[in-house]
Each structure stands twice: as C-alpha cells, then as structure tokens.
Amino acid sequence: MPSHPTVLLTGASGVVGSALLPRLTDCRTIALTHRTPVAGADEQLAGDLTAPRLGLDADTYRRLAARVDAIVHCAALTGFSSGAEAAHALNTAGTRQMTRLAADADAVLYHVSTAFVDRTDLTRAQLGQDHGDATARPEDYLDSKRAGEDVVRSSGVPAVIVRPSVVIGDAVTGAISAFQGMHGVIHGLLRGLLPLVPVPADSPVDFVPQDVVAATIAGLVRQGRRDGEVWVTAGDSALRTECTLRVIHDTADELGLTAARPRIVGPEMVDRLIRPVFIANLHPRARRRFDDMLAMTALFAHGHVFPTSLGRIDGIPEALSAGELESALRASVAYMARTRGMVRRAAQPVRTAEQVPA
C-alpha cells in the first residue's frame, strides 16, 4: 500500500466514521455519502451501498476503482427496530457491494462488524422478542452482521474484520455523533424509566470509546494490514453490571439528577413475576419502551468476556483499564444528560475515576 493511500470511507457521518476521518490525515480520503454530507473528507461521492456499482455510472465507478487503495466500511444499520429486511439490505447486501469494489480496485477492505457476533448463545427468547411489546429486535442486527462477515470471508479479497463492542462517546468529552443503544439504556436509568435491570450483577458490560475504535482502524490502515480479525473491546477490564450501574448513578448524582439506582434481578424473573404484576398494566407506549430497553440489556445478560486485540498489535491503542473505562462512561453519561437538557441546575464537574475517593 502507498505511504499516502487513497481511502474510501463509508459511514463517514456515523459514530465510528466521524471519529475516524480526522485520524486519516496522512491519507487521501473519499467519503461515500448517501443522504448526509460530511466535513473533513478530501472528496465526497454520492452513492448507494445497496445498488449495483454503488449507484454510480460505469465511468465514475471505473475511475473510483482505479484510485482506491483501501476501503474502510463503517456504514451499517445499527438500529434494532428497522426489521430483518432493512438490516440485511445494508449490512449484508451493502457489504457484498464493497467486496466487489475491493476486488475491482485490488484494495484492502477494513470491514467494521461487532464483537457481539460472538454471542451465538443469544436466542430470540433470551433477547425478549417472543413476548412483550418490544419493537427492538437485536437478533436481526446480529444475524445481518454475521452474514456480512461471511460475505467478506468468502469474497477472497484481502480484508480485516474489525469487531468493536458497544461504542460510547469520546473517552474525554463523551461527545458522539448519534446516541446509540447503550445511551438509550442510560437515558432510561436517568429518567427512572428502567427501575430494574435483568442482568446478573457480575455480567461483563463491554463498551469502548469511539476514539479508541477510530485509532485502532487508523492504525491498521497505516500499517497496511491485510488480513485477520481485530477485537476492539474492553476484554478482561470490562466493567460488571453492578459497577456500571454505580458509575451511572454516581455521575447522575454529581450532575444534580435524582436517579434512583435500579434493582438487579434475574432475567427469568421478568416474565415470571415482574411483567404480569407490574408491566402489564402500563400504557402501551410505556410497555413498549420498557421491552425495548430490556432487549438491549439482554445483550449483556450471562455474557462472556470478549477477546481483545488492544495492546497486542503494534500501532493500535493499548488495552483499557477499568479506571479508564469508568472515566469514559462518566463522560458519556454527562454528555448525554447535558445534550438532552436533563441538567437543570449548575453542577460540579464530573470527576474522572482517578479523582473519585476510594
């Protein structure tokens, strides 16, 4: 790969793409956009990931393929309520279009997947989709991402599969281009809309700041790495459920919010006791909101520790410590609370983990 490669980036306006773009200053960047223009790319090209030749005419496509040295495919449908057809249209069929471009361009493909493809134990029942009023269906997302990885592996193009866990905001500022699923759970906790969490107290809650994910991908591109699977996760340092809830509660307290700490219950208690006694009589909208939040928390219930590549590959970030993860979570909670207008009065600055008394 050239020392200053031309990189095609999809999803440049998304969470990972917007954090990655400023880190590719030693590359010539072309952002493939659909609806949202982006700032910071050297070029922008309007296209459609689900269309043949990315929706480009033959000459434009041919010129693009002749220039591109690497493709970073961040674009994905990450919402859990869009349905299986929409998820596969972008996450699977869209990935197939990118592998074709990589083959035509003789380029390396950096495909951003998710660490949760490793949760093959998750079933529809465990995800809370066989009952209740949930519209969120995480299994549609996970199925489409697994299928996307299969497309990459079977394509024959040089490719690196990047598997981040849940992506939160910047480690220092908490800023993020769009709130993700975990932010919805945090919002529910801060608003008192999630009085219980059906995740065992010692389950690992694996999340990583967006800047760590971006730095990892930039490092892989800079190295010219051409194959393998790279796990961008907290690994053994992942906070447990009880610790995660404590950090969120303490941050809310520092912001002047009166968020009650939820009760941790076994997942089996939801359908056996809590739903029929407490949830069944709620307004349909409240029931649906509750079930959608449960669908997200189910990703962590009885989860195992993910592998991590952080600190094990030259040129990418070091592994995160538990203290660093706590600080990043505090920053994300504070950013979301302030952005959503939840902080009503002046509050003391949120302390980092190193500043919190033992």
Protein backbone atom coordinates (compact mmCIF):
# COMPACT_ATOMS: atom_id res chain seq x y z
CA MET A 1 0.00 0.00 0.00
CA PRO A 2 1.33 3.50 -0.80
CA SER A 3 2.65 5.65 2.04
CA HIS A 4 -0.25 8.09 1.46
CA PRO A 5 -3.05 5.77 0.33
CA THR A 6 -6.38 6.80 -1.08
CA VAL A 7 -9.04 5.55 1.32
CA LEU A 8 -12.73 5.21 0.54
CA LEU A 9 -14.76 5.59 3.73
CA THR A 10 -18.39 4.59 4.12
CA GLY A 11 -20.43 5.76 7.09
CA ALA A 12 -18.30 8.90 7.44
CA SER A 13 -21.12 10.74 9.23
CA GLY A 14 -21.71 7.91 11.68
CA VAL A 15 -20.29 7.26 15.13
CA VAL A 16 -17.12 5.44 14.09
CA GLY A 17 -16.67 7.14 10.71
CA SER A 18 -16.88 10.69 12.09
CA ALA A 19 -14.28 9.84 14.73
CA LEU A 20 -12.04 8.10 12.19
CA LEU A 21 -11.97 10.73 9.46
CA PRO A 22 -9.78 13.25 11.38
CA ARG A 23 -7.26 10.46 12.04
CA LEU A 24 -6.68 9.77 8.34
CA THR A 25 -4.77 13.00 7.69
CA ASP A 26 -1.92 11.09 6.05
CA CYS A 27 -4.36 9.59 3.54
CA ARG A 28 -6.44 10.99 0.71
CA THR A 29 -10.00 10.34 1.83
CA ILE A 30 -13.10 9.87 -0.30
CA ALA A 31 -16.34 9.77 1.67
CA LEU A 32 -19.09 7.73 0.04
CA THR A 33 -22.25 9.52 1.15
CA HIS A 34 -25.92 8.75 0.73
CA ARG A 35 -28.01 11.46 2.39
CA THR A 36 -25.74 13.28 4.84
CA PRO A 37 -22.81 15.41 3.62
CA VAL A 38 -19.68 15.18 5.75
CA ALA A 39 -16.97 17.65 6.63
CA GLY A 40 -13.27 16.81 6.58
CA ALA A 41 -13.01 14.41 3.66
CA ASP A 42 -10.84 15.37 0.71
CA GLU A 43 -13.67 14.32 -1.62
CA GLN A 44 -17.29 13.29 -1.34
CA LEU A 45 -19.06 10.96 -3.69
CA ALA A 46 -22.81 10.39 -3.55
CA GLY A 47 -23.73 6.74 -3.90
CA ASP A 48 -25.91 3.90 -2.72
CA LEU A 49 -24.39 0.90 -0.95
CA THR A 50 -27.31 -1.34 -1.87
CA ALA A 51 -27.21 -0.61 -5.62
CA PRO A 52 -25.06 -2.22 -8.33
CA ARG A 53 -21.79 -0.28 -8.80
CA LEU A 54 -22.79 1.63 -5.63
CA GLY A 55 -25.33 3.55 -7.70
CA LEU A 56 -22.57 5.11 -9.81
CA ASP A 57 -22.43 5.24 -13.59
CA ALA A 58 -19.92 2.91 -15.22
CA ASP A 59 -17.27 5.55 -15.89
CA THR A 60 -17.40 7.03 -12.36
CA TYR A 61 -17.19 3.57 -10.85
CA ARG A 62 -14.24 2.61 -13.05
CA ARG A 63 -12.34 5.79 -12.15
CA LEU A 64 -13.03 5.20 -8.46
CA ALA A 65 -11.77 1.62 -8.60
CA ALA A 66 -8.60 2.79 -10.35
CA ARG A 67 -7.76 5.18 -7.48
CA VAL A 68 -8.72 3.41 -4.28
CA ASP A 69 -6.03 1.63 -2.24
CA ALA A 70 -8.11 0.82 0.85
CA ILE A 71 -11.77 0.75 1.82
CA VAL A 72 -12.99 1.30 5.37
CA HIS A 73 -16.56 0.07 5.53
CA CYS A 74 -18.20 1.64 8.61
CA ALA A 75 -21.68 2.16 7.21
CA ALA A 76 -24.25 -0.10 8.83
CA LEU A 77 -27.81 -0.16 10.02
CA THR A 78 -27.32 -0.31 13.79
CA GLY A 79 -30.87 0.33 14.99
CA PHE A 80 -32.68 -2.65 16.45
CA SER A 81 -36.16 -1.67 15.23
CA SER A 82 -35.70 -1.48 11.46
CA GLY A 83 -36.53 -5.10 10.70
CA ALA A 84 -34.62 -8.01 9.22
CA GLU A 85 -35.09 -6.95 5.59
CA ALA A 86 -33.63 -3.47 6.09
CA ALA A 87 -30.79 -4.81 8.25
CA HIS A 88 -29.73 -7.36 5.64
CA ALA A 89 -30.13 -4.87 2.77
CA LEU A 90 -27.41 -2.63 4.19
CA ASN A 91 -25.36 -4.84 6.50
CA THR A 92 -25.21 -7.86 4.20
CA ALA A 93 -26.00 -6.80 0.63
CA GLY A 94 -24.18 -3.49 1.13
CA THR A 95 -21.10 -5.34 2.33
CA ARG A 96 -21.24 -7.50 -0.79
CA GLN A 97 -21.05 -4.36 -2.95
CA MET A 98 -17.98 -3.23 -1.01
CA THR A 99 -16.22 -6.56 -1.53
CA ARG A 100 -16.87 -6.24 -5.26
CA LEU A 101 -15.32 -2.78 -5.28
CA ALA A 102 -12.35 -4.07 -3.27
CA ALA A 103 -11.86 -6.82 -5.87
CA ASP A 104 -12.16 -4.40 -8.80
CA ALA A 105 -9.80 -1.92 -7.13
CA ASP A 106 -7.35 -4.54 -5.82
CA ALA A 107 -7.81 -2.77 -2.48
CA VAL A 108 -7.74 -3.90 1.14
CA LEU A 109 -11.12 -3.93 2.87
CA TYR A 110 -11.41 -2.95 6.54
CA HIS A 111 -14.86 -4.18 7.50
CA VAL A 112 -16.35 -2.89 10.76
CA SER A 113 -18.51 -5.58 12.34
CA THR A 114 -19.38 -6.05 16.03
CA ALA A 115 -17.96 -8.14 18.85
CA PHE A 116 -21.48 -9.32 19.65
CA VAL A 117 -21.43 -11.72 16.69
CA ASP A 118 -19.61 -13.86 19.24
CA ARG A 119 -22.77 -14.08 21.36
CA THR A 120 -24.09 -17.09 19.46
CA ASP A 121 -25.87 -18.19 22.63
CA LEU A 122 -28.41 -15.39 22.28
CA THR A 123 -31.79 -16.67 21.17
CA ARG A 124 -35.00 -14.81 20.39
CA ALA A 125 -36.40 -15.75 23.78
CA GLN A 126 -33.29 -14.55 25.60
CA LEU A 127 -33.47 -11.29 23.69
CA GLY A 128 -37.02 -10.73 24.88
CA GLN A 129 -38.60 -10.98 21.44
CA ASP A 130 -41.00 -13.88 21.89
CA HIS A 131 -43.23 -11.89 24.19
CA GLY A 132 -43.97 -8.36 25.32
CA ASP A 133 -44.37 -5.26 23.17
CA ALA A 134 -40.79 -4.75 22.06
CA THR A 135 -40.15 -3.36 18.59
CA ALA A 136 -36.39 -3.72 19.05
CA ARG A 137 -35.05 -6.95 17.63
CA PRO A 138 -31.29 -7.15 18.24
CA GLU A 139 -31.16 -10.59 16.65
CA ASP A 140 -31.99 -9.08 13.24
CA TYR A 141 -28.95 -6.82 13.58
CA LEU A 142 -26.68 -9.63 14.81
CA ASP A 143 -27.82 -12.01 12.06
CA SER A 144 -27.11 -9.39 9.41
CA LYS A 145 -23.65 -8.65 10.81
CA ARG A 146 -22.76 -12.34 10.92
CA ALA A 147 -23.92 -12.65 7.32
CA GLY A 148 -21.83 -9.60 6.40
CA GLU A 149 -18.73 -11.22 7.88
CA ASP A 150 -19.47 -14.38 5.87
CA VAL A 151 -19.61 -12.26 2.71
CA VAL A 152 -16.20 -10.76 3.49
CA ARG A 153 -14.59 -14.12 4.30
CA SER A 154 -15.93 -15.78 1.15
CA SER A 155 -15.05 -12.89 -1.17
CA GLY A 156 -11.36 -13.71 -1.50
CA VAL A 157 -10.33 -10.05 -1.18
CA PRO A 158 -7.66 -9.02 1.35
CA ALA A 159 -9.71 -7.98 4.35
CA VAL A 160 -9.51 -7.18 8.05
CA ILE A 161 -12.65 -7.69 10.13
CA VAL A 162 -12.80 -5.17 12.99
CA ARG A 163 -15.06 -6.10 15.90
CA PRO A 164 -15.77 -3.30 18.37
CA SER A 165 -18.08 -3.91 21.30
CA VAL A 166 -20.69 -1.29 22.27
CA VAL A 167 -19.35 2.10 21.17
CA ILE A 168 -19.81 5.02 23.55
CA GLY A 169 -18.71 8.65 23.20
CA ASP A 170 -15.24 10.12 23.22
CA ALA A 171 -13.24 8.99 26.24
CA VAL A 172 -12.59 12.55 27.40
CA THR A 173 -15.57 14.61 26.25
CA GLY A 174 -18.26 11.95 25.84
CA ALA A 175 -19.22 13.58 22.53
CA ILE A 176 -20.76 11.30 19.90
CA SER A 177 -22.41 11.99 16.54
CA ALA A 178 -25.54 10.00 17.39
CA PHE A 179 -26.73 8.32 20.57
CA GLN A 180 -26.53 4.53 20.41
CA GLY A 181 -28.40 1.69 22.10
CA MET A 182 -26.50 1.92 25.38
CA HIS A 183 -27.30 5.63 25.55
CA GLY A 184 -30.97 4.65 25.45
CA VAL A 185 -30.48 2.46 28.50
CA ILE A 186 -28.56 5.24 30.26
CA HIS A 187 -31.35 7.69 29.43
CA GLY A 188 -33.92 5.28 30.83
CA LEU A 189 -31.91 4.91 34.03
CA LEU A 190 -31.51 8.67 34.46
CA ARG A 191 -35.23 9.22 33.86
CA GLY A 192 -36.28 6.43 36.21
CA LEU A 193 -37.86 4.53 33.31
CA LEU A 194 -35.89 1.36 33.99
CA PRO A 195 -36.47 0.52 37.66
CA LEU A 196 -34.90 -2.90 37.25
CA VAL A 197 -32.12 -4.40 35.20
CA PRO A 198 -32.47 -8.11 34.36
CA VAL A 199 -28.73 -8.71 34.01
CA PRO A 200 -26.69 -10.63 36.60
CA ALA A 201 -24.61 -8.34 38.80
CA ASP A 202 -21.32 -9.91 37.65
CA SER A 203 -22.04 -9.95 33.88
CA PRO A 204 -19.41 -8.04 31.87
CA VAL A 205 -20.74 -4.88 30.21
CA ASP A 206 -18.27 -4.41 27.37
CA PHE A 207 -18.06 -0.95 25.82
CA VAL A 208 -15.27 1.09 24.23
CA PRO A 209 -14.96 4.83 23.50
CA GLN A 210 -15.32 5.85 19.87
CA ASP A 211 -11.83 7.40 19.76
CA VAL A 212 -10.26 4.04 20.66
CA VAL A 213 -12.13 2.34 17.82
CA ALA A 214 -11.11 5.10 15.40
CA ALA A 215 -7.46 4.99 16.49
CA THR A 216 -7.41 1.23 16.00
CA ILE A 217 -8.76 1.38 12.45
CA ALA A 218 -6.41 4.24 11.53
CA GLY A 219 -3.50 2.22 12.89
CA LEU A 220 -4.46 -0.82 10.82
CA VAL A 221 -4.73 1.28 7.65
CA ARG A 222 -1.40 2.95 8.39
CA GLN A 223 0.26 -0.45 8.81
CA GLY A 224 -1.28 -1.76 5.61
CA ARG A 225 -2.57 -4.81 7.47
CA ARG A 226 -4.32 -7.12 5.01
CA ASP A 227 -6.00 -9.90 6.99
CA GLY A 228 -7.21 -11.13 10.34
CA GLU A 229 -9.85 -10.31 12.94
CA VAL A 230 -9.23 -7.40 15.30
CA TRP A 231 -11.25 -7.18 18.52
CA VAL A 232 -11.71 -3.66 19.87
CA THR A 233 -13.14 -4.49 23.28
CA ALA A 234 -12.59 -3.97 26.98
CA GLY A 235 -11.76 -7.66 27.40
CA ASP A 236 -10.94 -8.63 30.98
CA SER A 237 -11.26 -4.98 32.07
CA ALA A 238 -14.96 -4.77 31.16
CA LEU A 239 -17.00 -3.32 33.99
CA ARG A 240 -19.52 -5.63 35.59
CA THR A 241 -23.23 -4.76 35.73
CA GLU A 242 -23.13 -3.64 39.36
CA CYS A 243 -20.13 -1.37 38.78
CA THR A 244 -21.64 0.08 35.57
CA LEU A 245 -24.86 0.99 37.37
CA ARG A 246 -22.90 2.55 40.23
CA VAL A 247 -20.89 4.74 37.85
CA ILE A 248 -24.06 5.91 36.09
CA HIS A 249 -25.79 6.60 39.42
CA ASP A 250 -22.79 8.47 40.86
CA THR A 251 -22.44 10.58 37.72
CA ALA A 252 -26.14 11.45 37.84
CA ASP A 253 -25.73 12.48 41.46
CA GLU A 254 -22.81 14.75 40.58
CA LEU A 255 -24.92 16.33 37.84
CA GLY A 256 -27.68 17.08 40.32
CA LEU A 257 -30.04 14.44 38.92
CA THR A 258 -32.16 12.33 41.27
CA ALA A 259 -31.87 8.98 39.54
CA ALA A 260 -32.81 6.01 41.70
CA ARG A 261 -30.45 3.07 41.40
CA PRO A 262 -32.36 0.22 39.72
CA ARG A 263 -32.78 -3.19 41.21
CA ILE A 264 -30.76 -6.02 39.66
CA VAL A 265 -32.93 -9.07 39.06
CA GLY A 266 -32.50 -12.39 37.31
CA PRO A 267 -33.69 -12.33 33.67
CA GLU A 268 -36.14 -15.16 34.39
CA MET A 269 -37.99 -13.00 36.92
CA VAL A 270 -39.18 -10.56 34.26
CA ASP A 271 -41.68 -12.92 32.64
CA ARG A 272 -42.49 -14.95 35.73
CA LEU A 273 -43.27 -12.09 38.08
CA ILE A 274 -42.46 -8.55 37.01
CA ARG A 275 -44.25 -8.40 33.65
CA PRO A 276 -47.61 -9.82 34.78
CA VAL A 277 -47.67 -7.91 38.06
CA PHE A 278 -46.12 -4.53 37.22
CA ILE A 279 -45.72 -4.09 33.46
CA ALA A 280 -48.98 -5.47 32.08
CA ASN A 281 -50.99 -2.51 33.38
CA LEU A 282 -48.75 0.20 31.95
CA HIS A 283 -49.73 2.34 28.98
CA PRO A 284 -48.83 0.52 25.71
CA ARG A 285 -46.16 3.11 24.91
CA ALA A 286 -44.56 2.62 28.33
CA ARG A 287 -44.68 -1.17 27.94
CA ARG A 288 -43.02 -0.95 24.53
CA ARG A 289 -40.31 1.37 25.85
CA PHE A 290 -39.66 -0.99 28.76
CA ASP A 291 -39.43 -4.03 26.48
CA ASP A 292 -37.16 -2.23 24.02
CA MET A 293 -34.74 -1.36 26.82
CA LEU A 294 -34.85 -4.97 28.02
CA ALA A 295 -33.88 -6.09 24.51
CA MET A 296 -30.71 -4.01 24.77
CA THR A 297 -29.83 -5.21 28.28
CA ALA A 298 -30.24 -8.82 27.12
CA LEU A 299 -27.06 -8.43 25.08
CA PHE A 300 -25.12 -8.38 28.35
CA ALA A 301 -27.06 -10.96 30.35
CA HIS A 302 -24.93 -14.03 31.11
CA GLY A 303 -22.33 -12.73 28.67
CA HIS A 304 -18.75 -13.90 28.50
CA VAL A 305 -15.55 -11.87 28.32
CA PHE A 306 -14.70 -10.97 24.73
CA PRO A 307 -11.20 -11.37 23.34
CA THR A 308 -9.35 -8.11 22.80
CA SER A 309 -6.61 -7.11 20.37
CA LEU A 310 -5.81 -3.84 22.17
CA GLY A 311 -2.22 -3.80 23.34
CA ARG A 312 -1.40 -6.86 21.24
CA ILE A 313 -0.87 -5.34 17.80
CA ASP A 314 1.76 -2.71 17.06
CA GLY A 315 0.35 0.65 16.08
CA ILE A 316 -3.05 0.34 17.76
CA PRO A 317 -4.09 1.54 21.24
CA GLU A 318 -3.15 -0.18 24.46
CA ALA A 319 -5.69 -2.20 26.42
CA LEU A 320 -8.08 -0.13 28.53
CA SER A 321 -8.02 -0.29 32.31
CA ALA A 322 -11.17 -0.45 34.42
CA GLY A 323 -10.42 3.07 35.66
CA GLU A 324 -10.19 4.39 32.10
CA LEU A 325 -13.49 2.72 31.25
CA GLU A 326 -15.17 4.28 34.29
CA SER A 327 -13.90 7.73 33.26
CA ALA A 328 -15.14 7.24 29.70
CA LEU A 329 -18.56 6.11 30.93
CA ARG A 330 -18.82 9.16 33.20
CA ALA A 331 -18.02 11.42 30.25
CA SER A 332 -20.66 9.76 28.07
CA VAL A 333 -23.34 9.96 30.77
CA ALA A 334 -22.59 13.64 31.40
CA TYR A 335 -22.53 14.49 27.69
CA MET A 336 -25.87 12.80 27.06
CA ALA A 337 -27.51 14.36 30.13
CA ARG A 338 -26.38 17.85 29.15
CA THR A 339 -27.20 17.41 25.47
CA ARG A 340 -30.69 16.18 26.31
CA GLY A 341 -31.28 19.13 28.64
CA MET A 342 -31.55 16.95 31.71
CA VAL A 343 -29.21 19.03 33.87
CA ARG A 344 -31.46 21.71 35.42
CA ARG A 345 -29.01 23.44 37.72
CA ALA A 346 -25.32 24.15 37.93
CA ALA A 347 -23.46 21.01 38.86
CA GLN A 348 -19.91 20.27 39.84
CA PRO A 349 -17.70 18.99 37.01
CA VAL A 350 -17.92 15.23 36.69
CA ARG A 351 -14.85 13.67 38.24
CA THR A 352 -12.71 11.14 36.50
CA ALA A 353 -12.13 7.76 38.07
CA GLU A 354 -8.75 8.92 39.36
CA GLN A 355 -10.41 11.78 41.26
CA VAL A 356 -13.08 9.69 42.94
CA PRO A 357 -12.16 8.75 46.53
CA ALA A 358 -11.54 5.05 47.03
